[in-house]
């Protein structure tokens, strides 16, 4: 599965769920608030900007936002909400694409770094973030913690969500740190529709080493955008890395 096969026109058209899911105010607003604070009045760059779930409200808060996005259909959906002057977008891969900078903030939200399927690509993403940042700039990553403790011995799959019209499960390849998320959605006739996406899962400690390779230091890590303490039981984290220097 290539990324351009996953983020196609059908996916882009159905991606936005206004007011619910990842677009619910209780999910989105704290992220936008925290990112606006971290931008410190400067410019922000979103890797994998998608349809603008975060970039649009962040720009509405007065933060100048530029995006990098591989999928043209996702950019087309973004353009229904914000024009090129409001949110410029560079078409390309977040590990290699270059946007006119510098920026005070680069961010990657909702597990997006795991879409890069090799360690080398993920390291390159950190280095690409560093190239775009001014001295003292911050790189923010929101990412789930691998749920390997949920995986019984000899089993390869974990069901992580069940609803009346939806089943979500992940299949794991621990040898290569890969997982595939399977999303089964049932329509009104009872027919199931399957969508799949591959990921390379990353432990927080491995992320910290990637950060060191790009000259970042860990500034903070919390369990969510509200600043909840990160513990061994946390299902996800928001990690803020910073370059040396300041402004």
Protein backbone atom coordinates (compact mmCIF):
# COMPACT_ATOMS: atom_id res chain seq x y z
CA UNK A 1 0.00 0.00 0.00
CA UNK A 2 1.52 3.29 -1.14
CA UNK A 3 0.57 6.52 0.61
CA UNK A 4 -0.88 7.96 -2.62
CA UNK A 5 -3.13 4.88 -2.84
CA UNK A 6 -4.44 5.47 0.69
CA UNK A 7 -5.00 9.22 0.55
CA UNK A 8 -6.99 9.16 -2.69
CA UNK A 9 -10.07 11.13 -3.78
CA UNK A 10 -12.55 8.88 -1.96
CA UNK A 11 -10.60 9.14 1.30
CA UNK A 12 -10.20 12.90 0.95
CA UNK A 13 -13.93 13.42 0.35
CA UNK A 14 -14.87 11.42 3.45
CA UNK A 15 -12.00 12.52 5.71
CA UNK A 16 -13.68 15.48 7.42
CA UNK A 17 -16.22 14.71 10.14
CA UNK A 18 -17.18 18.19 11.40
CA UNK A 19 -17.92 18.24 15.12
CA UNK A 20 -17.19 14.56 15.71
CA UNK A 21 -14.20 12.21 15.97
CA UNK A 22 -10.90 14.00 15.49
CA UNK A 23 -12.87 17.13 14.53
CA UNK A 24 -14.77 17.24 17.83
CA UNK A 25 -14.13 20.52 19.71
CA UNK A 26 -12.89 18.67 22.79
CA UNK A 27 -10.25 16.96 20.62
CA UNK A 28 -9.31 19.78 18.27
CA UNK A 29 -9.49 22.93 20.40
CA UNK A 30 -6.82 21.94 22.97
CA UNK A 31 -4.41 21.05 20.16
CA UNK A 32 -4.93 24.39 18.44
CA UNK A 33 -4.59 26.27 21.73
CA UNK A 34 -1.31 24.55 22.59
CA UNK A 35 0.18 24.94 19.11
CA UNK A 36 -0.71 28.63 19.04
CA UNK A 37 1.07 29.02 22.38
CA UNK A 38 4.15 27.15 21.16
CA UNK A 39 4.33 29.20 17.95
CA UNK A 40 4.99 32.22 20.16
CA UNK A 41 3.68 34.69 17.62
CA UNK A 42 5.87 33.22 14.85
CA UNK A 43 5.22 31.17 11.73
CA UNK A 44 4.21 27.49 11.79
CA UNK A 45 4.74 24.64 9.34
CA UNK A 46 2.52 21.57 9.40
CA UNK A 47 3.92 18.37 7.93
CA UNK A 48 1.11 16.34 6.30
CA UNK A 49 -1.38 19.20 6.53
CA UNK A 50 -4.16 17.09 5.00
CA UNK A 51 -7.51 18.83 4.68
CA UNK A 52 -6.50 21.51 7.18
CA UNK A 53 -8.12 20.04 10.30
CA UNK A 54 -5.57 21.86 12.49
CA UNK A 55 -4.07 24.38 10.06
CA UNK A 56 -7.34 26.19 9.32
CA UNK A 57 -8.34 26.97 12.94
CA UNK A 58 -4.70 27.72 13.80
CA UNK A 59 -4.54 30.26 10.97
CA UNK A 60 -7.82 31.72 12.19
CA UNK A 61 -6.08 32.27 15.53
CA UNK A 62 -3.61 34.56 13.74
CA UNK A 63 -0.73 32.07 13.35
CA UNK A 64 0.72 32.14 9.81
CA UNK A 65 0.61 28.48 8.70
CA UNK A 66 2.27 26.77 5.75
CA UNK A 67 1.65 23.11 4.92
CA UNK A 68 3.46 20.19 3.34
CA UNK A 69 1.21 17.50 1.85
CA UNK A 70 1.80 14.51 -0.41
CA UNK A 71 -1.82 13.96 -1.47
CA UNK A 72 -3.28 16.32 -4.06
CA UNK A 73 -6.88 15.18 -3.30
CA UNK A 74 -6.36 16.16 0.35
CA UNK A 75 -5.06 19.57 -0.76
CA UNK A 76 -8.13 19.99 -2.97
CA UNK A 77 -10.32 19.52 0.11
CA UNK A 78 -8.22 22.02 2.03
CA UNK A 79 -8.76 24.53 -0.76
CA UNK A 80 -12.52 24.44 -0.12
CA UNK A 81 -11.74 26.04 3.28
CA UNK A 82 -8.66 28.20 2.73
CA UNK A 83 -6.95 29.59 -0.35
CA UNK A 84 -3.24 29.49 -1.19
CA UNK A 85 -2.66 32.96 0.22
CA UNK A 86 -4.13 31.95 3.57
CA UNK A 87 -2.43 28.56 3.88
CA UNK A 88 0.33 27.97 1.31
CA UNK A 89 1.00 24.28 0.64
CA UNK A 90 4.09 22.60 -0.78
CA UNK A 91 3.32 19.32 -2.53
CA UNK A 92 5.76 16.70 -1.33
CA UNK A 93 6.92 14.23 1.30
CA UNK A 94 7.37 15.44 4.86
CA UNK A 95 10.79 13.80 5.06
CA UNK A 96 12.22 15.70 2.10
CA UNK A 97 10.02 18.59 0.93
CA UNK A 98 11.20 22.16 1.45
CA UNK A 99 9.03 25.17 2.30
CA UNK A 100 10.14 28.81 2.40
CA UNK A 101 11.14 29.51 6.01
CA UNK A 102 12.30 29.89 8.61
CA UNK A 103 9.58 28.88 11.06
CA UNK A 104 9.27 28.99 14.83
CA UNK A 105 7.17 25.82 14.93
CA UNK A 106 6.95 22.62 12.91
CA UNK A 107 4.31 20.11 13.96
CA UNK A 108 3.06 16.62 13.14
CA UNK A 109 -0.26 15.55 14.66
CA UNK A 110 -2.50 12.50 15.00
CA UNK A 111 0.16 9.79 14.54
CA UNK A 112 1.24 11.08 11.13
CA UNK A 113 4.95 10.38 11.55
CA UNK A 114 4.08 6.67 11.62
CA UNK A 115 3.03 6.97 7.96
CA UNK A 116 6.76 6.97 7.21
CA UNK A 117 7.43 3.24 7.12
CA UNK A 118 11.18 3.09 7.78
CA UNK A 119 13.37 4.34 10.58
CA UNK A 120 15.53 6.15 8.03
CA UNK A 121 12.54 8.12 6.73
CA UNK A 122 11.48 9.05 10.25
CA UNK A 123 15.00 10.26 11.08
CA UNK A 124 14.96 12.26 7.84
CA UNK A 125 11.68 13.85 8.96
CA UNK A 126 13.32 15.11 12.16
CA UNK A 127 16.22 16.51 10.17
CA UNK A 128 13.84 18.13 7.72
CA UNK A 129 12.01 19.79 10.61
CA UNK A 130 15.31 21.09 11.96
CA UNK A 131 16.22 22.55 8.56
CA UNK A 132 13.01 24.57 8.54
CA UNK A 133 13.29 25.99 12.06
CA UNK A 134 14.89 29.17 13.32
CA UNK A 135 17.30 28.81 16.27
CA UNK A 136 15.29 27.85 19.34
CA UNK A 137 12.42 26.60 17.17
CA UNK A 138 10.20 23.73 18.26
CA UNK A 139 9.14 20.47 16.63
CA UNK A 140 5.92 18.96 18.06
CA UNK A 141 4.80 15.36 17.54
CA UNK A 142 1.52 13.78 18.64
CA UNK A 143 1.79 10.00 18.59
CA UNK A 144 0.24 6.92 20.12
CA UNK A 145 2.21 4.58 22.34
CA UNK A 146 2.47 1.08 20.79
CA UNK A 147 -0.07 -1.21 22.44
CA UNK A 148 2.01 -4.35 22.43
CA UNK A 149 0.96 -5.16 25.99
CA UNK A 150 -2.52 -5.72 24.56
CA UNK A 151 -1.18 -8.40 22.20
CA UNK A 152 -1.60 -11.94 23.62
CA UNK A 153 1.27 -14.38 23.01
CA UNK A 154 0.97 -15.96 19.59
CA UNK A 155 -1.60 -13.42 18.37
CA UNK A 156 -1.01 -10.75 15.74
CA UNK A 157 -4.10 -8.54 16.04
CA UNK A 158 -5.71 -6.23 18.59
CA UNK A 159 -9.29 -4.96 18.34
CA UNK A 160 -9.11 -1.40 19.66
CA UNK A 161 -12.59 -0.10 18.97
CA UNK A 162 -16.06 -1.54 18.41
CA UNK A 163 -19.24 0.39 17.69
CA UNK A 164 -22.56 -0.47 16.11
CA UNK A 165 -21.32 0.51 12.66
CA UNK A 166 -17.54 0.27 13.08
CA UNK A 167 -14.78 -2.15 14.06
CA UNK A 168 -11.13 -1.08 14.26
CA UNK A 169 -8.27 -3.51 14.64
CA UNK A 170 -4.50 -3.42 14.24
CA UNK A 171 -2.31 -6.26 13.01
CA UNK A 172 1.29 -6.16 14.25
CA UNK A 173 4.64 -7.20 12.84
CA UNK A 174 6.89 -6.73 15.91
CA UNK A 175 10.03 -7.79 14.03
CA UNK A 176 9.84 -4.75 11.72
CA UNK A 177 7.84 -2.44 14.03
CA UNK A 178 5.03 -2.35 11.51
CA UNK A 179 1.30 -2.41 11.99
CA UNK A 180 -1.67 -2.17 9.68
CA UNK A 181 -4.82 -0.46 10.89
CA UNK A 182 -8.00 -2.05 9.53
CA UNK A 183 -11.20 0.01 9.59
CA UNK A 184 -14.46 -1.88 8.98
CA UNK A 185 -17.46 0.38 8.49
CA UNK A 186 -20.97 -0.94 7.98
CA UNK A 187 -23.51 0.90 5.84
CA UNK A 188 -27.29 0.88 6.34
CA UNK A 189 -27.62 -2.37 4.38
CA UNK A 190 -25.14 -4.12 6.67
CA UNK A 191 -22.45 -4.30 4.03
CA UNK A 192 -18.90 -3.80 5.35
CA UNK A 193 -16.41 -1.43 3.76
CA UNK A 194 -12.73 -1.92 4.58
CA UNK A 195 -10.01 0.73 4.65
CA UNK A 196 -6.43 -0.07 5.62
CA UNK A 197 -3.37 2.01 6.43
CA UNK A 198 0.20 0.84 7.16
CA UNK A 199 2.32 2.40 9.92
CA UNK A 200 5.72 2.08 11.54
CA UNK A 201 5.19 2.38 15.28
CA UNK A 202 7.78 4.18 17.38
CA UNK A 203 8.49 4.13 21.10
CA UNK A 204 9.02 7.51 22.81
CA UNK A 205 12.64 6.62 23.59
CA UNK A 206 13.34 5.92 19.92
CA UNK A 207 11.81 9.28 19.00
CA UNK A 208 14.12 10.96 21.50
CA UNK A 209 17.15 9.38 19.84
CA UNK A 210 15.94 10.53 16.42
CA UNK A 211 15.62 14.00 17.89
CA UNK A 212 19.21 13.93 19.17
CA UNK A 213 20.44 13.00 15.69
CA UNK A 214 18.82 16.20 14.41
CA UNK A 215 20.23 18.35 17.27
CA UNK A 216 16.93 18.59 19.16
CA UNK A 217 16.44 18.21 22.89
CA UNK A 218 13.21 17.11 24.54
CA UNK A 219 11.54 20.14 26.12
CA UNK A 220 8.36 18.48 27.37
CA UNK A 221 6.22 15.37 27.03
CA UNK A 222 2.61 15.07 28.14
CA UNK A 223 -0.12 12.50 27.69
CA UNK A 224 -2.36 14.90 25.77
CA UNK A 225 -2.77 18.49 24.61
CA UNK A 226 -4.13 19.50 28.03
CA UNK A 227 -0.74 18.87 29.66
CA UNK A 228 -1.72 15.70 31.53
CA UNK A 229 1.26 13.90 33.05
CA UNK A 230 2.75 11.22 30.81
CA UNK A 231 2.98 7.86 32.59
CA UNK A 232 3.57 4.19 31.80
CA UNK A 233 -0.19 3.86 31.30
CA UNK A 234 -0.55 6.71 28.80
CA UNK A 235 -1.96 5.67 25.43
CA UNK A 236 -0.43 8.60 23.55
CA UNK A 237 1.90 11.55 23.99
CA UNK A 238 2.54 15.07 22.79
CA UNK A 239 6.30 15.60 22.67
CA UNK A 240 7.90 19.01 22.18
CA UNK A 241 11.48 19.11 20.91
CA UNK A 242 13.57 22.26 20.66
CA UNK A 243 16.66 23.38 18.78
CA UNK A 244 19.48 25.24 20.53
CA UNK A 245 19.36 29.04 20.57
CA UNK A 246 16.41 31.35 20.89
CA UNK A 247 14.70 34.44 19.65
